[in-house]
Amino acid sequence: MIEDDSFSFPWLDEAEYQKALGQFRMNVAARLRVFDCHGLGIYIQPVTEAIVELAEDFGMRVRGEDRPIDSNHNPLESPTR
């Protein structure tokens, strides 16, 4: 972990961060798989990415970065397989 006195939380190095982000992404997608049986499986991947973006924005915000918590990702625009 990278220590930075300007933040109250320690930062992960890039490799650890990418691993944690991947685990988060896989867990979100796994929880959304229930929508497969309702014919909505095509939306799982784009919605997962939108949730991950929001989580990253939130994480940066609580660590002091002036970043809006807002996803520009609209998963309902044009789903593709």
PDB file of N, CA and C in Angstrom:
ATOM      1  N   MET A   1       0.834  -1.180   0.000  1.00  0.00           N
ATOM      2  CA  MET A   1       0.000   0.000   0.000  1.00  0.00           C
ATOM      3  C   MET A   1       0.878   1.242   0.000  1.00  0.00           C
ATOM      4  N   ILE A   2       0.382   2.255  -0.641  1.00  0.00           N
ATOM      5  CA  ILE A   2       1.102   3.512  -0.721  1.00  0.00           C
ATOM      6  C   ILE A   2       0.550   4.443   0.347  1.00  0.00           C
ATOM      7  N   GLU A   3       1.407   4.920   1.217  1.00  0.00           N
ATOM      8  CA  GLU A   3       0.987   5.838   2.266  1.00  0.00           C
ATOM      9  C   GLU A   3       1.060   7.263   1.744  1.00  0.00           C
ATOM     10  N   ASP A   4       0.026   8.037   1.981  1.00  0.00           N
ATOM     11  CA  ASP A   4      -0.016   9.432   1.574  1.00  0.00           C
ATOM     12  C   ASP A   4      -0.663  10.201   2.719  1.00  0.00           C
ATOM     13  N   ASP A   5       0.089  11.121   3.314  1.00  0.00           N
ATOM     14  CA  ASP A   5      -0.402  11.849   4.476  1.00  0.00           C
ATOM     15  C   ASP A   5      -1.604  12.734   4.170  1.00  0.00           C
ATOM     16  N   SER A   6      -1.829  13.083   2.923  1.00  0.00           N
ATOM     17  CA  SER A   6      -2.937  13.972   2.593  1.00  0.00           C
ATOM     18  C   SER A   6      -4.281  13.243   2.559  1.00  0.00           C
ATOM     19  N   PHE A   7      -4.270  11.924   2.654  1.00  0.00           N
ATOM     20  CA  PHE A   7      -5.499  11.150   2.631  1.00  0.00           C
ATOM     21  C   PHE A   7      -5.598  10.317   3.902  1.00  0.00           C
ATOM     22  N   SER A   8      -6.835  10.052   4.319  1.00  0.00           N
ATOM     23  CA  SER A   8      -7.013   9.250   5.524  1.00  0.00           C
ATOM     24  C   SER A   8      -7.026   7.755   5.229  1.00  0.00           C
ATOM     25  N   PHE A   9      -7.060   7.383   3.957  1.00  0.00           N
ATOM     26  CA  PHE A   9      -7.037   5.981   3.573  1.00  0.00           C
ATOM     27  C   PHE A   9      -5.762   5.695   2.785  1.00  0.00           C
ATOM     28  N   PRO A  10      -5.153   4.534   3.005  1.00  0.00           N
ATOM     29  CA  PRO A  10      -3.974   4.193   2.192  1.00  0.00           C
ATOM     30  C   PRO A  10      -4.406   3.832   0.769  1.00  0.00           C
ATOM     31  N   TRP A  11      -3.542   4.092  -0.192  1.00  0.00           N
ATOM     32  CA  TRP A  11      -3.795   3.764  -1.592  1.00  0.00           C
ATOM     33  C   TRP A  11      -3.170   2.417  -1.912  1.00  0.00           C
ATOM     34  N   LEU A  12      -3.844   1.627  -2.726  1.00  0.00           N
ATOM     35  CA  LEU A  12      -3.278   0.371  -3.210  1.00  0.00           C
ATOM     36  C   LEU A  12      -2.346   0.666  -4.370  1.00  0.00           C
ATOM     37  N   ASP A  13      -1.327  -0.186  -4.535  1.00  0.00           N
ATOM     38  CA  ASP A  13      -0.518  -0.019  -5.745  1.00  0.00           C
ATOM     39  C   ASP A  13      -1.369  -0.470  -6.932  1.00  0.00           C
ATOM     40  N   GLU A  14      -0.946  -0.149  -8.149  1.00  0.00           N
ATOM     41  CA  GLU A  14      -1.768  -0.365  -9.347  1.00  0.00           C
ATOM     42  C   GLU A  14      -2.174  -1.829  -9.539  1.00  0.00           C
ATOM     43  N   ALA A  15      -1.250  -2.757  -9.308  1.00  0.00           N
ATOM     44  CA  ALA A  15      -1.568  -4.179  -9.493  1.00  0.00           C
ATOM     45  C   ALA A  15      -2.651  -4.632  -8.509  1.00  0.00           C
ATOM     46  N   GLU A  16      -2.536  -4.228  -7.251  1.00  0.00           N
ATOM     47  CA  GLU A  16      -3.536  -4.591  -6.249  1.00  0.00           C
ATOM     48  C   GLU A  16      -4.879  -3.939  -6.566  1.00  0.00           C
ATOM     49  N   TYR A  17      -4.827  -2.689  -7.034  1.00  0.00           N
ATOM     50  CA  TYR A  17      -6.050  -1.969  -7.386  1.00  0.00           C
ATOM     51  C   TYR A  17      -6.777  -2.671  -8.532  1.00  0.00           C
ATOM     52  N   GLN A  18      -6.054  -3.043  -9.584  1.00  0.00           N
ATOM     53  CA  GLN A  18      -6.666  -3.713 -10.730  1.00  0.00           C
ATOM     54  C   GLN A  18      -7.248  -5.070 -10.330  1.00  0.00           C
ATOM     55  N   LYS A  19      -6.566  -5.773  -9.427  1.00  0.00           N
ATOM     56  CA  LYS A  19      -7.071  -7.061  -8.944  1.00  0.00           C
ATOM     57  C   LYS A  19      -8.381  -6.859  -8.174  1.00  0.00           C
ATOM     58  N   ALA A  20      -8.402  -5.879  -7.273  1.00  0.00           N
ATOM     59  CA  ALA A  20      -9.609  -5.601  -6.495  1.00  0.00           C
ATOM     60  C   ALA A  20     -10.749  -5.150  -7.401  1.00  0.00           C
ATOM     61  N   LEU A  21     -10.432  -4.332  -8.393  1.00  0.00           N
ATOM     62  CA  LEU A  21     -11.442  -3.853  -9.333  1.00  0.00           C
ATOM     63  C   LEU A  21     -12.019  -5.019 -10.139  1.00  0.00           C
ATOM     64  N   GLY A  22     -11.170  -5.934 -10.560  1.00  0.00           N
ATOM     65  CA  GLY A  22     -11.634  -7.116 -11.283  1.00  0.00           C
ATOM     66  C   GLY A  22     -12.531  -7.994 -10.429  1.00  0.00           C
ATOM     67  N   GLN A  23     -12.162  -8.167  -9.160  1.00  0.00           N
ATOM     68  CA  GLN A  23     -12.983  -8.965  -8.252  1.00  0.00           C
ATOM     69  C   GLN A  23     -14.343  -8.302  -8.034  1.00  0.00           C
ATOM     70  N   PHE A  24     -14.328  -6.981  -7.886  1.00  0.00           N
ATOM     71  CA  PHE A  24     -15.580  -6.243  -7.717  1.00  0.00           C
ATOM     72  C   PHE A  24     -16.462  -6.414  -8.953  1.00  0.00           C
ATOM     73  N   ARG A  25     -15.868  -6.241 -10.134  1.00  0.00           N
ATOM     74  CA  ARG A  25     -16.601  -6.361 -11.402  1.00  0.00           C
ATOM     75  C   ARG A  25     -17.227  -7.762 -11.536  1.00  0.00           C
ATOM     76  N   MET A  26     -16.458  -8.806 -11.234  1.00  0.00           N
ATOM     77  CA  MET A  26     -16.975 -10.174 -11.347  1.00  0.00           C
ATOM     78  C   MET A  26     -18.114 -10.426 -10.367  1.00  0.00           C
ATOM     79  N   ASN A  27     -18.009  -9.881  -9.159  1.00  0.00           N
ATOM     80  CA  ASN A  27     -19.058 -10.077  -8.165  1.00  0.00           C
ATOM     81  C   ASN A  27     -20.336  -9.337  -8.530  1.00  0.00           C
ATOM     82  N   VAL A  28     -20.210  -8.135  -9.073  1.00  0.00           N
ATOM     83  CA  VAL A  28     -21.400  -7.405  -9.522  1.00  0.00           C
ATOM     84  C   VAL A  28     -22.079  -8.186 -10.645  1.00  0.00           C
ATOM     85  N   ALA A  29     -21.308  -8.623 -11.632  1.00  0.00           N
ATOM     86  CA  ALA A  29     -21.870  -9.373 -12.759  1.00  0.00           C
ATOM     87  C   ALA A  29     -22.548 -10.658 -12.281  1.00  0.00           C
ATOM     88  N   ALA A  30     -21.946 -11.335 -11.318  1.00  0.00           N
ATOM     89  CA  ALA A  30     -22.529 -12.575 -10.798  1.00  0.00           C
ATOM     90  C   ALA A  30     -23.893 -12.315 -10.162  1.00  0.00           C
ATOM     91  N   ARG A  31     -24.016 -11.199  -9.474  1.00  0.00           N
ATOM     92  CA  ARG A  31     -25.288 -10.879  -8.837  1.00  0.00           C
ATOM     93  C   ARG A  31     -26.352 -10.446  -9.844  1.00  0.00           C
ATOM     94  N   LEU A  32     -25.919  -9.946 -10.980  1.00  0.00           N
ATOM     95  CA  LEU A  32     -26.872  -9.531 -12.013  1.00  0.00           C
ATOM     96  C   LEU A  32     -27.293 -10.690 -12.919  1.00  0.00           C
ATOM     97  N   ARG A  33     -26.642 -11.835 -12.812  1.00  0.00           N
ATOM     98  CA  ARG A  33     -26.961 -12.984 -13.671  1.00  0.00           C
ATOM     99  C   ARG A  33     -28.406 -13.448 -13.509  1.00  0.00           C
ATOM    100  N   VAL A  34     -29.033 -13.110 -12.410  1.00  0.00           N
ATOM    101  CA  VAL A  34     -30.430 -13.486 -12.197  1.00  0.00           C
ATOM    102  C   VAL A  34     -31.308 -12.931 -13.321  1.00  0.00           C
ATOM    103  N   PHE A  35     -30.879 -11.847 -13.949  1.00  0.00           N
ATOM    104  CA  PHE A  35     -31.671 -11.245 -15.017  1.00  0.00           C
ATOM    105  C   PHE A  35     -31.586 -12.013 -16.330  1.00  0.00           C
ATOM    106  N   ASP A  36     -30.646 -12.955 -16.439  1.00  0.00           N
ATOM    107  CA  ASP A  36     -30.555 -13.806 -17.629  1.00  0.00           C
ATOM    108  C   ASP A  36     -31.870 -14.543 -17.884  1.00  0.00           C
ATOM    109  N   CYS A  37     -32.479 -15.045 -16.826  1.00  0.00           N
ATOM    110  CA  CYS A  37     -33.697 -15.844 -16.982  1.00  0.00           C
ATOM    111  C   CYS A  37     -34.903 -14.994 -17.367  1.00  0.00           C
ATOM    112  N   HIS A  38     -34.771 -13.696 -17.315  1.00  0.00           N
ATOM    113  CA  HIS A  38     -35.858 -12.800 -17.703  1.00  0.00           C
ATOM    114  C   HIS A  38     -35.612 -12.177 -19.075  1.00  0.00           C
ATOM    115  N   GLY A  39     -34.612 -12.695 -19.795  1.00  0.00           N
ATOM    116  CA  GLY A  39     -34.305 -12.174 -21.117  1.00  0.00           C
ATOM    117  C   GLY A  39     -33.538 -10.865 -21.108  1.00  0.00           C
ATOM    118  N   LEU A  40     -32.966 -10.519 -19.977  1.00  0.00           N
ATOM    119  CA  LEU A  40     -32.255  -9.251 -19.849  1.00  0.00           C
ATOM    120  C   LEU A  40     -30.747  -9.429 -19.756  1.00  0.00           C
ATOM    121  N   GLY A  41     -30.264 -10.621 -20.076  1.00  0.00           N
ATOM    122  CA  GLY A  41     -28.835 -10.910 -19.971  1.00  0.00           C
ATOM    123  C   GLY A  41     -27.955  -9.997 -20.798  1.00  0.00           C
ATOM    124  N   ILE A  42     -28.497  -9.470 -21.879  1.00  0.00           N
ATOM    125  CA  ILE A  42     -27.721  -8.592 -22.752  1.00  0.00           C
ATOM    126  C   ILE A  42     -27.285  -7.311 -22.022  1.00  0.00           C
ATOM    127  N   TYR A  43     -27.992  -6.952 -20.957  1.00  0.00           N
ATOM    128  CA  TYR A  43     -27.675  -5.729 -20.218  1.00  0.00           C
ATOM    129  C   TYR A  43     -26.681  -5.942 -19.081  1.00  0.00           C
ATOM    130  N   ILE A  44     -26.377  -7.179 -18.743  1.00  0.00           N
ATOM    131  CA  ILE A  44     -25.534  -7.448 -17.577  1.00  0.00           C
ATOM    132  C   ILE A  44     -24.169  -6.791 -17.694  1.00  0.00           C
ATOM    133  N   GLN A  45     -23.476  -6.979 -18.800  1.00  0.00           N
ATOM    134  CA  GLN A  45     -22.130  -6.419 -18.946  1.00  0.00           C
ATOM    135  C   GLN A  45     -22.132  -4.889 -18.925  1.00  0.00           C
ATOM    136  N   PRO A  46     -22.989  -4.199 -19.698  1.00  0.00           N
ATOM    137  CA  PRO A  46     -22.952  -2.742 -19.645  1.00  0.00           C
ATOM    138  C   PRO A  46     -23.389  -2.169 -18.299  1.00  0.00           C
ATOM    139  N   VAL A  47     -24.352  -2.800 -17.643  1.00  0.00           N
ATOM    140  CA  VAL A  47     -24.767  -2.316 -16.324  1.00  0.00           C
ATOM    141  C   VAL A  47     -23.652  -2.546 -15.313  1.00  0.00           C
ATOM    142  N   THR A  48     -22.973  -3.681 -15.412  1.00  0.00           N
ATOM    143  CA  THR A  48     -21.827  -3.954 -14.539  1.00  0.00           C
ATOM    144  C   THR A  48     -20.781  -2.861 -14.687  1.00  0.00           C
ATOM    145  N   GLU A  49     -20.453  -2.487 -15.922  1.00  0.00           N
ATOM    146  CA  GLU A  49     -19.451  -1.439 -16.154  1.00  0.00           C
ATOM    147  C   GLU A  49     -19.901  -0.099 -15.581  1.00  0.00           C
ATOM    148  N   ALA A  50     -21.190   0.220 -15.700  1.00  0.00           N
ATOM    149  CA  ALA A  50     -21.708   1.469 -15.142  1.00  0.00           C
ATOM    150  C   ALA A  50     -21.575   1.476 -13.621  1.00  0.00           C
ATOM    151  N   ILE A  51     -21.868   0.353 -12.987  1.00  0.00           N
ATOM    152  CA  ILE A  51     -21.742   0.248 -11.528  1.00  0.00           C
ATOM    153  C   ILE A  51     -20.284   0.373 -11.111  1.00  0.00           C
ATOM    154  N   VAL A  52     -19.374  -0.256 -11.854  1.00  0.00           N
ATOM    155  CA  VAL A  52     -17.943  -0.166 -11.547  1.00  0.00           C
ATOM    156  C   VAL A  52     -17.474   1.284 -11.661  1.00  0.00           C
ATOM    157  N   GLU A  53     -17.909   1.997 -12.705  1.00  0.00           N
ATOM    158  CA  GLU A  53     -17.538   3.406 -12.855  1.00  0.00           C
ATOM    159  C   GLU A  53     -18.009   4.226 -11.661  1.00  0.00           C
ATOM    160  N   LEU A  54     -19.253   4.000 -11.233  1.00  0.00           N
ATOM    161  CA  LEU A  54     -19.779   4.724 -10.079  1.00  0.00           C
ATOM    162  C   LEU A  54     -18.997   4.393  -8.813  1.00  0.00           C
ATOM    163  N   ALA A  55     -18.647   3.128  -8.637  1.00  0.00           N
ATOM    164  CA  ALA A  55     -17.874   2.721  -7.460  1.00  0.00           C
ATOM    165  C   ALA A  55     -16.493   3.372  -7.461  1.00  0.00           C
ATOM    166  N   GLU A  56     -15.854   3.457  -8.644  1.00  0.00           N
ATOM    167  CA  GLU A  56     -14.552   4.117  -8.727  1.00  0.00           C
ATOM    168  C   GLU A  56     -14.680   5.599  -8.408  1.00  0.00           C
ATOM    169  N   ASP A  57     -15.719   6.252  -8.928  1.00  0.00           N
ATOM    170  CA  ASP A  57     -15.944   7.666  -8.621  1.00  0.00           C
ATOM    171  C   ASP A  57     -16.142   7.863  -7.121  1.00  0.00           C
ATOM    172  N   PHE A  58     -16.938   6.992  -6.510  1.00  0.00           N
ATOM    173  CA  PHE A  58     -17.176   7.079  -5.070  1.00  0.00           C
ATOM    174  C   PHE A  58     -15.876   6.907  -4.293  1.00  0.00           C
ATOM    175  N   GLY A  59     -15.093   5.904  -4.674  1.00  0.00           N
ATOM    176  CA  GLY A  59     -13.825   5.652  -3.991  1.00  0.00           C
ATOM    177  C   GLY A  59     -12.880   6.838  -4.064  1.00  0.00           C
ATOM    178  N   MET A  60     -12.822   7.483  -5.223  1.00  0.00           N
ATOM    179  CA  MET A  60     -11.951   8.652  -5.358  1.00  0.00           C
ATOM    180  C   MET A  60     -12.490   9.823  -4.537  1.00  0.00           C
ATOM    181  N   ARG A  61     -13.800   9.967  -4.519  1.00  0.00           N
ATOM    182  CA  ARG A  61     -14.411  11.074  -3.773  1.00  0.00           C
ATOM    183  C   ARG A  61     -14.137  10.953  -2.283  1.00  0.00           C
ATOM    184  N   VAL A  62     -14.286   9.749  -1.723  1.00  0.00           N
ATOM    185  CA  VAL A  62     -14.062   9.588  -0.284  1.00  0.00           C
ATOM    186  C   VAL A  62     -12.591   9.703   0.078  1.00  0.00           C
ATOM    187  N   ARG A  63     -11.724   9.631  -0.908  1.00  0.00           N
ATOM    188  CA  ARG A  63     -10.298   9.817  -0.659  1.00  0.00           C
ATOM    189  C   ARG A  63      -9.861  11.252  -0.921  1.00  0.00           C
ATOM    190  N   GLY A  64     -10.816  12.131  -1.154  1.00  0.00           N
ATOM    191  CA  GLY A  64     -10.505  13.543  -1.238  1.00  0.00           C
ATOM    192  C   GLY A  64     -10.412  14.143  -2.624  1.00  0.00           C
ATOM    193  N   GLU A  65     -10.537  13.336  -3.671  1.00  0.00           N
ATOM    194  CA  GLU A  65     -10.476  13.893  -5.022  1.00  0.00           C
ATOM    195  C   GLU A  65     -11.818  14.545  -5.357  1.00  0.00           C
ATOM    196  N   ASP A  66     -11.753  15.749  -5.899  1.00  0.00           N
ATOM    197  CA  ASP A  66     -12.970  16.467  -6.264  1.00  0.00           C
ATOM    198  C   ASP A  66     -13.503  15.894  -7.569  1.00  0.00           C
ATOM    199  N   ARG A  67     -14.288  14.850  -7.450  1.00  0.00           N
ATOM    200  CA  ARG A  67     -14.810  14.136  -8.618  1.00  0.00           C
ATOM    201  C   ARG A  67     -16.305  13.901  -8.412  1.00  0.00           C
ATOM    202  N   PRO A  68     -17.128  14.248  -9.411  1.00  0.00           N
ATOM    203  CA  PRO A  68     -18.560  13.968  -9.264  1.00  0.00           C
ATOM    204  C   PRO A  68     -18.822  12.463  -9.310  1.00  0.00           C
ATOM    205  N   ILE A  69     -19.808  12.041  -8.579  1.00  0.00           N
ATOM    206  CA  ILE A  69     -20.197  10.635  -8.614  1.00  0.00           C
ATOM    207  C   ILE A  69     -21.291  10.537  -9.669  1.00  0.00           C
ATOM    208  N   ASP A  70     -20.865  10.282 -10.901  1.00  0.00           N
ATOM    209  CA  ASP A  70     -21.785  10.306 -12.027  1.00  0.00           C
ATOM    210  C   ASP A  70     -21.243   9.419 -13.131  1.00  0.00           C
ATOM    211  N   SER A  71     -22.066   8.520 -13.598  1.00  0.00           N
ATOM    212  CA  SER A  71     -21.670   7.662 -14.705  1.00  0.00           C
ATOM    213  C   SER A  71     -22.259   8.203 -15.997  1.00  0.00           C
ATOM    214  N   ASN A  72     -21.408   8.415 -16.986  1.00  0.00           N
ATOM    215  CA  ASN A  72     -21.878   8.840 -18.305  1.00  0.00           C
ATOM    216  C   ASN A  72     -22.292   7.645 -19.139  1.00  0.00           C
ATOM    217  N   HIS A  73     -22.191   6.479 -18.550  1.00  0.00           N
ATOM    218  CA  HIS A  73     -22.457   5.216 -19.231  1.00  0.00           C
ATOM    219  C   HIS A  73     -23.959   4.955 -19.220  1.00  0.00           C
ATOM    220  N   ASN A  74     -24.593   4.854 -20.382  1.00  0.00           N
ATOM    221  CA  ASN A  74     -26.014   4.529 -20.447  1.00  0.00           C
ATOM    222  C   ASN A  74     -26.182   3.139 -21.053  1.00  0.00           C
ATOM    223  N   PRO A  75     -26.325   2.124 -20.216  1.00  0.00           N
ATOM    224  CA  PRO A  75     -26.392   0.745 -20.711  1.00  0.00           C
ATOM    225  C   PRO A  75     -27.659   0.433 -21.495  1.00  0.00           C
ATOM    226  N   LEU A  76     -28.652   1.289 -21.444  1.00  0.00           N
ATOM    227  CA  LEU A  76     -29.908   0.992 -22.119  1.00  0.00           C
ATOM    228  C   LEU A  76     -29.987   1.575 -23.527  1.00  0.00           C
ATOM    229  N   GLU A  77     -28.959   2.301 -23.963  1.00  0.00           N
ATOM    230  CA  GLU A  77     -28.996   2.933 -25.281  1.00  0.00           C
ATOM    231  C   GLU A  77     -29.007   1.924 -26.415  1.00  0.00           C
ATOM    232  N   SER A  78     -27.973   1.114 -26.502  1.00  0.00           N
ATOM    233  CA  SER A  78     -27.895   0.175 -27.624  1.00  0.00           C
ATOM    234  C   SER A  78     -27.162  -1.095 -27.218  1.00  0.00           C
ATOM    235  N   PRO A  79     -27.880  -2.057 -26.659  1.00  0.00           N
ATOM    236  CA  PRO A  79     -27.225  -3.300 -26.260  1.00  0.00           C
ATOM    237  C   PRO A  79     -26.724  -4.072 -27.476  1.00  0.00           C
ATOM    238  N   THR A  80     -25.565  -4.666 -27.322  1.00  0.00           N
ATOM    239  CA  THR A  80     -25.013  -5.515 -28.377  1.00  0.00           C
ATOM    240  C   THR A  80     -24.542  -6.810 -27.755  1.00  0.00           C
ATOM    241  N   ARG A  81     -24.588  -7.854 -28.500  1.00  0.00           N
ATOM    242  CA  ARG A  81     -24.126  -9.144 -27.980  1.00  0.00           C
ATOM    243  C   ARG A  81     -22.671  -9.322 -28.248  1.00  0.00           C
TER     244      ARG A  81
END
